[in-house]
Amino acid sequence: MELDFSSVEELYNRLKPALKTKLTELSEYGYGYLKIEDIWNYLKENKWIHGHDLSLSDMVSDILNADNELIDNYFKEKINKKNRKVYLDEF
C-alpha cells in the first residue's frame, strides 16, 4: 500500500504520533525544553534532506531511533545562530 501526501503539513500530521513519542523520550532523558518542531526540523534538515521515495515506516523509524544528543546539539546550534544574529543586528 503506497501512501501519497499532498503537502508537507499532511506528512507532518501523519508522523505526529511518532514525533510525540520521541518528545516523551527526550523529556524523560532531561531534554524537556525541546519541542516536536525541533525533532522534525532536525530530521528534515539532516536525515531526510537528500532522501527520495522515503516510506512512512522508514521515517517513523528515523524519528524513534534519532540520537537524542544530536537533536539537542542541533537545537543549541540553532539557538546560538539566532542569538548571534540578534546581537549583530543591534549594531
PDB file of N, CA and C in Angstrom:
ATOM      1  N   MET A   1       0.837  -1.176   0.000  1.00  0.00           N
ATOM      2  CA  MET A   1       0.000   0.000   0.000  1.00  0.00           C
ATOM      3  C   MET A   1       0.887   1.246   0.000  1.00  0.00           C
ATOM      4  N   GLU A   2       0.744   2.064  -0.997  1.00  0.00           N
ATOM      5  CA  GLU A   2       1.544   3.274  -1.125  1.00  0.00           C
ATOM      6  C   GLU A   2       0.732   4.471  -0.641  1.00  0.00           C
ATOM      7  N   LEU A   3       1.364   5.287   0.201  1.00  0.00           N
ATOM      8  CA  LEU A   3       0.713   6.492   0.697  1.00  0.00           C
ATOM      9  C   LEU A   3       1.344   7.699   0.042  1.00  0.00           C
ATOM     10  N   ASP A   4       0.517   8.570  -0.475  1.00  0.00           N
ATOM     11  CA  ASP A   4       0.998   9.817  -1.056  1.00  0.00           C
ATOM     12  C   ASP A   4       0.433  10.960  -0.231  1.00  0.00           C
ATOM     13  N   PHE A   5       1.258  11.965  -0.027  1.00  0.00           N
ATOM     14  CA  PHE A   5       0.840  13.120   0.746  1.00  0.00           C
ATOM     15  C   PHE A   5       0.851  14.331  -0.162  1.00  0.00           C
ATOM     16  N   SER A   6      -0.185  15.140  -0.037  1.00  0.00           N
ATOM     17  CA  SER A   6      -0.305  16.299  -0.916  1.00  0.00           C
ATOM     18  C   SER A   6       0.450  17.514  -0.401  1.00  0.00           C
ATOM     19  N   SER A   7       0.916  17.450   0.847  1.00  0.00           N
ATOM     20  CA  SER A   7       1.670  18.578   1.386  1.00  0.00           C
ATOM     21  C   SER A   7       2.601  18.103   2.503  1.00  0.00           C
ATOM     22  N   VAL A   8       3.566  18.926   2.815  1.00  0.00           N
ATOM     23  CA  VAL A   8       4.477  18.631   3.922  1.00  0.00           C
ATOM     24  C   VAL A   8       3.695  18.631   5.231  1.00  0.00           C
ATOM     25  N   GLU A   9       2.723  19.526   5.330  1.00  0.00           N
ATOM     26  CA  GLU A   9       1.885  19.593   6.541  1.00  0.00           C
ATOM     27  C   GLU A   9       1.119  18.285   6.762  1.00  0.00           C
ATOM     28  N   GLU A  10       0.614  17.717   5.692  1.00  0.00           N
ATOM     29  CA  GLU A  10      -0.107  16.447   5.783  1.00  0.00           C
ATOM     30  C   GLU A  10       0.835  15.327   6.261  1.00  0.00           C
ATOM     31  N   LEU A  11       2.039  15.297   5.737  1.00  0.00           N
ATOM     32  CA  LEU A  11       3.033  14.318   6.167  1.00  0.00           C
ATOM     33  C   LEU A  11       3.384  14.524   7.636  1.00  0.00           C
ATOM     34  N   TYR A  12       3.619  15.780   8.007  1.00  0.00           N
ATOM     35  CA  TYR A  12       3.940  16.121   9.397  1.00  0.00           C
ATOM     36  C   TYR A  12       2.839  15.614  10.336  1.00  0.00           C
ATOM     37  N   ASN A  13       1.591  15.873   9.979  1.00  0.00           N
ATOM     38  CA  ASN A  13       0.469  15.430  10.822  1.00  0.00           C
ATOM     39  C   ASN A  13       0.401  13.909  10.925  1.00  0.00           C
ATOM     40  N   ARG A  14       0.747  13.236   9.849  1.00  0.00           N
ATOM     41  CA  ARG A  14       0.742  11.774   9.853  1.00  0.00           C
ATOM     42  C   ARG A  14       1.850  11.221  10.759  1.00  0.00           C
ATOM     43  N   LEU A  15       2.969  11.934  10.830  1.00  0.00           N
ATOM     44  CA  LEU A  15       4.109  11.500  11.642  1.00  0.00           C
ATOM     45  C   LEU A  15       4.037  11.996  13.081  1.00  0.00           C
ATOM     46  N   LYS A  16       3.074  12.837  13.391  1.00  0.00           N
ATOM     47  CA  LYS A  16       2.982  13.461  14.710  1.00  0.00           C
ATOM     48  C   LYS A  16       2.959  12.454  15.867  1.00  0.00           C
ATOM     49  N   PRO A  17       2.260  11.332  15.772  1.00  0.00           N
ATOM     50  CA  PRO A  17       2.307  10.372  16.890  1.00  0.00           C
ATOM     51  C   PRO A  17       3.731   9.881  17.191  1.00  0.00           C
ATOM     52  N   ALA A  18       4.509   9.611  16.164  1.00  0.00           N
ATOM     53  CA  ALA A  18       5.902   9.181  16.373  1.00  0.00           C
ATOM     54  C   ALA A  18       6.724  10.328  16.948  1.00  0.00           C
ATOM     55  N   LEU A  19       6.489  11.546  16.473  1.00  0.00           N
ATOM     56  CA  LEU A  19       7.197  12.707  16.994  1.00  0.00           C
ATOM     57  C   LEU A  19       6.867  12.930  18.473  1.00  0.00           C
ATOM     58  N   LYS A  20       5.610  12.745  18.840  1.00  0.00           N
ATOM     59  CA  LYS A  20       5.206  12.886  20.248  1.00  0.00           C
ATOM     60  C   LYS A  20       5.868  11.818  21.114  1.00  0.00           C
ATOM     61  N   THR A  21       5.963  10.613  20.600  1.00  0.00           N
ATOM     62  CA  THR A  21       6.632   9.532  21.326  1.00  0.00           C
ATOM     63  C   THR A  21       8.096   9.880  21.559  1.00  0.00           C
ATOM     64  N   LYS A  22       8.761  10.387  20.533  1.00  0.00           N
ATOM     65  CA  LYS A  22      10.165  10.778  20.665  1.00  0.00           C
ATOM     66  C   LYS A  22      10.302  11.938  21.649  1.00  0.00           C
ATOM     67  N   LEU A  23       9.377  12.877  21.613  1.00  0.00           N
ATOM     68  CA  LEU A  23       9.411  14.003  22.532  1.00  0.00           C
ATOM     69  C   LEU A  23       9.284  13.531  23.982  1.00  0.00           C
ATOM     70  N   THR A  24       8.430  12.560  24.227  1.00  0.00           N
ATOM     71  CA  THR A  24       8.288  11.988  25.560  1.00  0.00           C
ATOM     72  C   THR A  24       9.604  11.373  26.017  1.00  0.00           C
ATOM     73  N   GLU A  25      10.249  10.635  25.129  1.00  0.00           N
ATOM     74  CA  GLU A  25      11.549  10.041  25.444  1.00  0.00           C
ATOM     75  C   GLU A  25      12.577  11.119  25.773  1.00  0.00           C
ATOM     76  N   LEU A  26      12.618  12.147  24.949  1.00  0.00           N
ATOM     77  CA  LEU A  26      13.566  13.234  25.179  1.00  0.00           C
ATOM     78  C   LEU A  26      13.317  13.886  26.541  1.00  0.00           C
ATOM     79  N   SER A  27      12.070  14.072  26.869  1.00  0.00           N
ATOM     80  CA  SER A  27      11.702  14.666  28.160  1.00  0.00           C
ATOM     81  C   SER A  27      12.187  13.805  29.320  1.00  0.00           C
ATOM     82  N   GLU A  28      12.024  12.497  29.178  1.00  0.00           N
ATOM     83  CA  GLU A  28      12.450  11.566  30.232  1.00  0.00           C
ATOM     84  C   GLU A  28      13.962  11.571  30.421  1.00  0.00           C
ATOM     85  N   TYR A  29      14.704  11.934  29.397  1.00  0.00           N
ATOM     86  CA  TYR A  29      16.162  11.966  29.473  1.00  0.00           C
ATOM     87  C   TYR A  29      16.709  13.370  29.736  1.00  0.00           C
ATOM     88  N   GLY A  30      15.842  14.288  30.146  1.00  0.00           N
ATOM     89  CA  GLY A  30      16.296  15.605  30.555  1.00  0.00           C
ATOM     90  C   GLY A  30      16.310  16.672  29.480  1.00  0.00           C
ATOM     91  N   TYR A  31      15.700  16.383  28.339  1.00  0.00           N
ATOM     92  CA  TYR A  31      15.651  17.354  27.244  1.00  0.00           C
ATOM     93  C   TYR A  31      14.252  17.963  27.145  1.00  0.00           C
ATOM     94  N   GLY A  32      13.687  18.317  28.277  1.00  0.00           N
ATOM     95  CA  GLY A  32      12.306  18.794  28.339  1.00  0.00           C
ATOM     96  C   GLY A  32      12.051  20.112  27.631  1.00  0.00           C
ATOM     97  N   TYR A  33      13.084  20.834  27.283  1.00  0.00           N
ATOM     98  CA  TYR A  33      12.946  22.123  26.605  1.00  0.00           C
ATOM     99  C   TYR A  33      12.766  21.966  25.097  1.00  0.00           C
ATOM    100  N   LEU A  34      12.984  20.774  24.574  1.00  0.00           N
ATOM    101  CA  LEU A  34      12.820  20.549  23.135  1.00  0.00           C
ATOM    102  C   LEU A  34      11.341  20.433  22.788  1.00  0.00           C
ATOM    103  N   LYS A  35      11.017  20.755  21.548  1.00  0.00           N
ATOM    104  CA  LYS A  35       9.645  20.686  21.053  1.00  0.00           C
ATOM    105  C   LYS A  35       9.586  19.737  19.856  1.00  0.00           C
ATOM    106  N   ILE A  36       8.383  19.346  19.523  1.00  0.00           N
ATOM    107  CA  ILE A  36       8.173  18.463  18.367  1.00  0.00           C
ATOM    108  C   ILE A  36       8.815  19.064  17.118  1.00  0.00           C
ATOM    109  N   GLU A  37       8.691  20.362  16.952  1.00  0.00           N
ATOM    110  CA  GLU A  37       9.232  21.027  15.767  1.00  0.00           C
ATOM    111  C   GLU A  37      10.751  20.897  15.699  1.00  0.00           C
ATOM    112  N   ASP A  38      11.410  20.841  16.858  1.00  0.00           N
ATOM    113  CA  ASP A  38      12.861  20.674  16.871  1.00  0.00           C
ATOM    114  C   ASP A  38      13.260  19.310  16.317  1.00  0.00           C
ATOM    115  N   ILE A  39      12.522  18.279  16.690  1.00  0.00           N
ATOM    116  CA  ILE A  39      12.781  16.930  16.184  1.00  0.00           C
ATOM    117  C   ILE A  39      12.530  16.900  14.672  1.00  0.00           C
ATOM    118  N   TRP A  40      11.390  17.421  14.272  1.00  0.00           N
ATOM    119  CA  TRP A  40      11.006  17.469  12.864  1.00  0.00           C
ATOM    120  C   TRP A  40      12.059  18.199  12.033  1.00  0.00           C
ATOM    121  N   ASN A  41      12.440  19.398  12.478  1.00  0.00           N
ATOM    122  CA  ASN A  41      13.411  20.196  11.726  1.00  0.00           C
ATOM    123  C   ASN A  41      14.781  19.530  11.682  1.00  0.00           C
ATOM    124  N   TYR A  42      15.195  18.917  12.779  1.00  0.00           N
ATOM    125  CA  TYR A  42      16.478  18.209  12.784  1.00  0.00           C
ATOM    126  C   TYR A  42      16.492  17.125  11.708  1.00  0.00           C
ATOM    127  N   LEU A  43      15.462  16.298  11.706  1.00  0.00           N
ATOM    128  CA  LEU A  43      15.420  15.203  10.730  1.00  0.00           C
ATOM    129  C   LEU A  43      15.264  15.730   9.306  1.00  0.00           C
ATOM    130  N   LYS A  44      14.431  16.723   9.136  1.00  0.00           N
ATOM    131  CA  LYS A  44      14.197  17.297   7.809  1.00  0.00           C
ATOM    132  C   LYS A  44      15.486  17.896   7.238  1.00  0.00           C
ATOM    133  N   GLU A  45      16.263  18.554   8.086  1.00  0.00           N
ATOM    134  CA  GLU A  45      17.467  19.236   7.615  1.00  0.00           C
ATOM    135  C   GLU A  45      18.714  18.360   7.617  1.00  0.00           C
ATOM    136  N   ASN A  46      18.698  17.255   8.355  1.00  0.00           N
ATOM    137  CA  ASN A  46      19.906  16.431   8.465  1.00  0.00           C
ATOM    138  C   ASN A  46      19.752  15.011   7.926  1.00  0.00           C
ATOM    139  N   LYS A  47      18.628  14.404   8.143  1.00  0.00           N
ATOM    140  CA  LYS A  47      18.450  12.998   7.761  1.00  0.00           C
ATOM    141  C   LYS A  47      17.734  12.851   6.419  1.00  0.00           C
ATOM    142  N   TRP A  48      16.701  13.653   6.225  1.00  0.00           N
ATOM    143  CA  TRP A  48      15.843  13.472   5.057  1.00  0.00           C
ATOM    144  C   TRP A  48      16.138  14.439   3.923  1.00  0.00           C
ATOM    145  N   ILE A  49      17.099  15.298   4.075  1.00  0.00           N
ATOM    146  CA  ILE A  49      17.351  16.358   3.090  1.00  0.00           C
ATOM    147  C   ILE A  49      17.628  15.804   1.684  1.00  0.00           C
ATOM    148  N   HIS A  50      18.299  14.679   1.613  1.00  0.00           N
ATOM    149  CA  HIS A  50      18.634  14.095   0.311  1.00  0.00           C
ATOM    150  C   HIS A  50      17.846  12.815   0.044  1.00  0.00           C
ATOM    151  N   GLY A  51      16.874  12.525   0.896  1.00  0.00           N
ATOM    152  CA  GLY A  51      16.088  11.305   0.747  1.00  0.00           C
ATOM    153  C   GLY A  51      15.084  11.412  -0.384  1.00  0.00           C
ATOM    154  N   HIS A  52      14.909  10.333  -1.070  1.00  0.00           N
ATOM    155  CA  HIS A  52      13.921  10.248  -2.142  1.00  0.00           C
ATOM    156  C   HIS A  52      13.087   9.003  -1.916  1.00  0.00           C
ATOM    157  N   ASP A  53      11.807   9.125  -2.139  1.00  0.00           N
ATOM    158  CA  ASP A  53      10.889   7.990  -2.008  1.00  0.00           C
ATOM    159  C   ASP A  53      10.991   7.319  -0.642  1.00  0.00           C
ATOM    160  N   LEU A  54      11.085   8.119   0.413  1.00  0.00           N
ATOM    161  CA  LEU A  54      11.124   7.565   1.763  1.00  0.00           C
ATOM    162  C   LEU A  54       9.759   6.988   2.102  1.00  0.00           C
ATOM    163  N   SER A  55       9.760   5.827   2.713  1.00  0.00           N
ATOM    164  CA  SER A  55       8.491   5.249   3.135  1.00  0.00           C
ATOM    165  C   SER A  55       8.119   5.821   4.498  1.00  0.00           C
ATOM    166  N   LEU A  56       6.852   5.789   4.803  1.00  0.00           N
ATOM    167  CA  LEU A  56       6.371   6.268   6.092  1.00  0.00           C
ATOM    168  C   LEU A  56       7.022   5.472   7.226  1.00  0.00           C
ATOM    169  N   SER A  57       7.168   4.178   7.039  1.00  0.00           N
ATOM    170  CA  SER A  57       7.785   3.348   8.078  1.00  0.00           C
ATOM    171  C   SER A  57       9.256   3.704   8.290  1.00  0.00           C
ATOM    172  N   ASP A  58       9.966   4.050   7.212  1.00  0.00           N
ATOM    173  CA  ASP A  58      11.363   4.490   7.348  1.00  0.00           C
ATOM    174  C   ASP A  58      11.445   5.793   8.131  1.00  0.00           C
ATOM    175  N   MET A  59      10.524   6.694   7.860  1.00  0.00           N
ATOM    176  CA  MET A  59      10.528   7.983   8.549  1.00  0.00           C
ATOM    177  C   MET A  59      10.187   7.812  10.027  1.00  0.00           C
ATOM    178  N   VAL A  60       9.219   6.949  10.329  1.00  0.00           N
ATOM    179  CA  VAL A  60       8.885   6.668  11.728  1.00  0.00           C
ATOM    180  C   VAL A  60      10.089   6.059  12.430  1.00  0.00           C
ATOM    181  N   SER A  61      10.760   5.139  11.777  1.00  0.00           N
ATOM    182  CA  SER A  61      11.964   4.529  12.343  1.00  0.00           C
ATOM    183  C   SER A  61      13.044   5.581  12.591  1.00  0.00           C
ATOM    184  N   ASP A  62      13.227   6.486  11.639  1.00  0.00           N
ATOM    185  CA  ASP A  62      14.201   7.563  11.814  1.00  0.00           C
ATOM    186  C   ASP A  62      13.866   8.422  13.030  1.00  0.00           C
ATOM    187  N   ILE A  63      12.599   8.721  13.205  1.00  0.00           N
ATOM    188  CA  ILE A  63      12.173   9.531  14.343  1.00  0.00           C
ATOM    189  C   ILE A  63      12.476   8.812  15.653  1.00  0.00           C
ATOM    190  N   LEU A  64      12.024   7.587  15.751  1.00  0.00           N
ATOM    191  CA  LEU A  64      12.152   6.846  17.010  1.00  0.00           C
ATOM    192  C   LEU A  64      13.601   6.492  17.341  1.00  0.00           C
ATOM    193  N   ASN A  65      14.436   6.381  16.329  1.00  0.00           N
ATOM    194  CA  ASN A  65      15.835   5.992  16.556  1.00  0.00           C
ATOM    195  C   ASN A  65      16.825   7.149  16.451  1.00  0.00           C
ATOM    196  N   ALA A  66      16.317   8.361  16.292  1.00  0.00           N
ATOM    197  CA  ALA A  66      17.203   9.515  16.195  1.00  0.00           C
ATOM    198  C   ALA A  66      17.978   9.679  17.504  1.00  0.00           C
ATOM    199  N   ASP A  67      19.234  10.051  17.372  1.00  0.00           N
ATOM    200  CA  ASP A  67      20.109  10.228  18.524  1.00  0.00           C
ATOM    201  C   ASP A  67      19.685  11.484  19.306  1.00  0.00           C
ATOM    202  N   ASN A  68      19.342  11.306  20.579  1.00  0.00           N
ATOM    203  CA  ASN A  68      18.868  12.407  21.408  1.00  0.00           C
ATOM    204  C   ASN A  68      19.890  13.539  21.493  1.00  0.00           C
ATOM    205  N   GLU A  69      21.138  13.186  21.636  1.00  0.00           N
ATOM    206  CA  GLU A  69      22.190  14.199  21.773  1.00  0.00           C
ATOM    207  C   GLU A  69      22.361  15.001  20.485  1.00  0.00           C
ATOM    208  N   LEU A  70      22.222  14.350  19.346  1.00  0.00           N
ATOM    209  CA  LEU A  70      22.332  15.067  18.076  1.00  0.00           C
ATOM    210  C   LEU A  70      21.170  16.047  17.893  1.00  0.00           C
ATOM    211  N   ILE A  71      19.980  15.647  18.315  1.00  0.00           N
ATOM    212  CA  ILE A  71      18.831  16.557  18.253  1.00  0.00           C
ATOM    213  C   ILE A  71      19.089  17.760  19.157  1.00  0.00           C
ATOM    214  N   ASP A  72      19.584  17.503  20.351  1.00  0.00           N
ATOM    215  CA  ASP A  72      19.888  18.567  21.302  1.00  0.00           C
ATOM    216  C   ASP A  72      20.964  19.508  20.753  1.00  0.00           C
ATOM    217  N   ASN A  73      22.012  18.953  20.176  1.00  0.00           N
ATOM    218  CA  ASN A  73      23.073  19.771  19.593  1.00  0.00           C
ATOM    219  C   ASN A  73      22.541  20.636  18.448  1.00  0.00           C
ATOM    220  N   TYR A  74      21.682  20.067  17.631  1.00  0.00           N
ATOM    221  CA  TYR A  74      21.053  20.808  16.537  1.00  0.00           C
ATOM    222  C   TYR A  74      20.278  21.998  17.092  1.00  0.00           C
ATOM    223  N   PHE A  75      19.474  21.747  18.131  1.00  0.00           N
ATOM    224  CA  PHE A  75      18.672  22.796  18.753  1.00  0.00           C
ATOM    225  C   PHE A  75      19.564  23.908  19.310  1.00  0.00           C
ATOM    226  N   LYS A  76      20.605  23.526  20.025  1.00  0.00           N
ATOM    227  CA  LYS A  76      21.501  24.515  20.637  1.00  0.00           C
ATOM    228  C   LYS A  76      22.234  25.329  19.581  1.00  0.00           C
ATOM    229  N   GLU A  77      22.606  24.683  18.486  1.00  0.00           N
ATOM    230  CA  GLU A  77      23.266  25.392  17.390  1.00  0.00           C
ATOM    231  C   GLU A  77      22.327  26.427  16.777  1.00  0.00           C
ATOM    232  N   LYS A  78      21.064  26.048  16.582  1.00  0.00           N
ATOM    233  CA  LYS A  78      20.069  26.973  16.031  1.00  0.00           C
ATOM    234  C   LYS A  78      19.871  28.165  16.963  1.00  0.00           C
ATOM    235  N   ILE A  79      19.800  27.910  18.252  1.00  0.00           N
ATOM    236  CA  ILE A  79      19.622  28.984  19.235  1.00  0.00           C
ATOM    237  C   ILE A  79      20.836  29.911  19.209  1.00  0.00           C
ATOM    238  N   ASN A  80      22.030  29.338  19.160  1.00  0.00           N
ATOM    239  CA  ASN A  80      23.242  30.158  19.123  1.00  0.00           C
ATOM    240  C   ASN A  80      23.286  31.037  17.875  1.00  0.00           C
ATOM    241  N   LYS A  81      22.912  30.484  16.729  1.00  0.00           N
ATOM    242  CA  LYS A  81      22.898  31.269  15.487  1.00  0.00           C
ATOM    243  C   LYS A  81      21.884  32.398  15.590  1.00  0.00           C
ATOM    244  N   LYS A  82      20.725  32.097  16.159  1.00  0.00           N
ATOM    245  CA  LYS A  82      19.680  33.106  16.313  1.00  0.00           C
ATOM    246  C   LYS A  82      20.160  34.216  17.245  1.00  0.00           C
ATOM    247  N   ASN A  83      20.783  33.851  18.358  1.00  0.00           N
ATOM    248  CA  ASN A  83      21.270  34.841  19.311  1.00  0.00           C
ATOM    249  C   ASN A  83      22.381  35.698  18.706  1.00  0.00           C
ATOM    250  N   ARG A  84      23.267  35.083  17.920  1.00  0.00           N
ATOM    251  CA  ARG A  84      24.330  35.840  17.261  1.00  0.00           C
ATOM    252  C   ARG A  84      23.749  36.835  16.267  1.00  0.00           C
ATOM    253  N   LYS A  85      22.730  36.410  15.537  1.00  0.00           N
ATOM    254  CA  LYS A  85      22.097  37.304  14.566  1.00  0.00           C
ATOM    255  C   LYS A  85      21.458  38.476  15.282  1.00  0.00           C
ATOM    256  N   VAL A  86      20.735  38.235  16.368  1.00  0.00           N
ATOM    257  CA  VAL A  86      20.114  39.309  17.129  1.00  0.00           C
ATOM    258  C   VAL A  86      21.173  40.266  17.641  1.00  0.00           C
ATOM    259  N   TYR A  87      22.289  39.725  18.156  1.00  0.00           N
ATOM    260  CA  TYR A  87      23.381  40.542  18.675  1.00  0.00           C
ATOM    261  C   TYR A  87      23.973  41.400  17.558  1.00  0.00           C
ATOM    262  N   LEU A  88      24.219  40.816  16.408  1.00  0.00           N
ATOM    263  CA  LEU A  88      24.812  41.570  15.289  1.00  0.00           C
ATOM    264  C   LEU A  88      23.854  42.605  14.728  1.00  0.00           C
ATOM    265  N   ASP A  89      22.558  42.302  14.761  1.00  0.00           N
ATOM    266  CA  ASP A  89      21.560  43.244  14.255  1.00  0.00           C
ATOM    267  C   ASP A  89      21.445  44.486  15.139  1.00  0.00           C
ATOM    268  N   GLU A  90      21.905  44.375  16.385  1.00  0.00           N
ATOM    269  CA  GLU A  90      21.837  45.517  17.295  1.00  0.00           C
ATOM    270  C   GLU A  90      22.856  46.588  16.942  1.00  0.00           C
ATOM    271  N   PHE A  91      23.869  46.244  16.164  1.00  0.00           N
ATOM    272  CA  PHE A  91      24.923  47.200  15.821  1.00  0.00           C
ATOM    273  C   PHE A  91      24.651  47.865  14.507  1.00  0.00           C
TER     274      PHE A  91
END
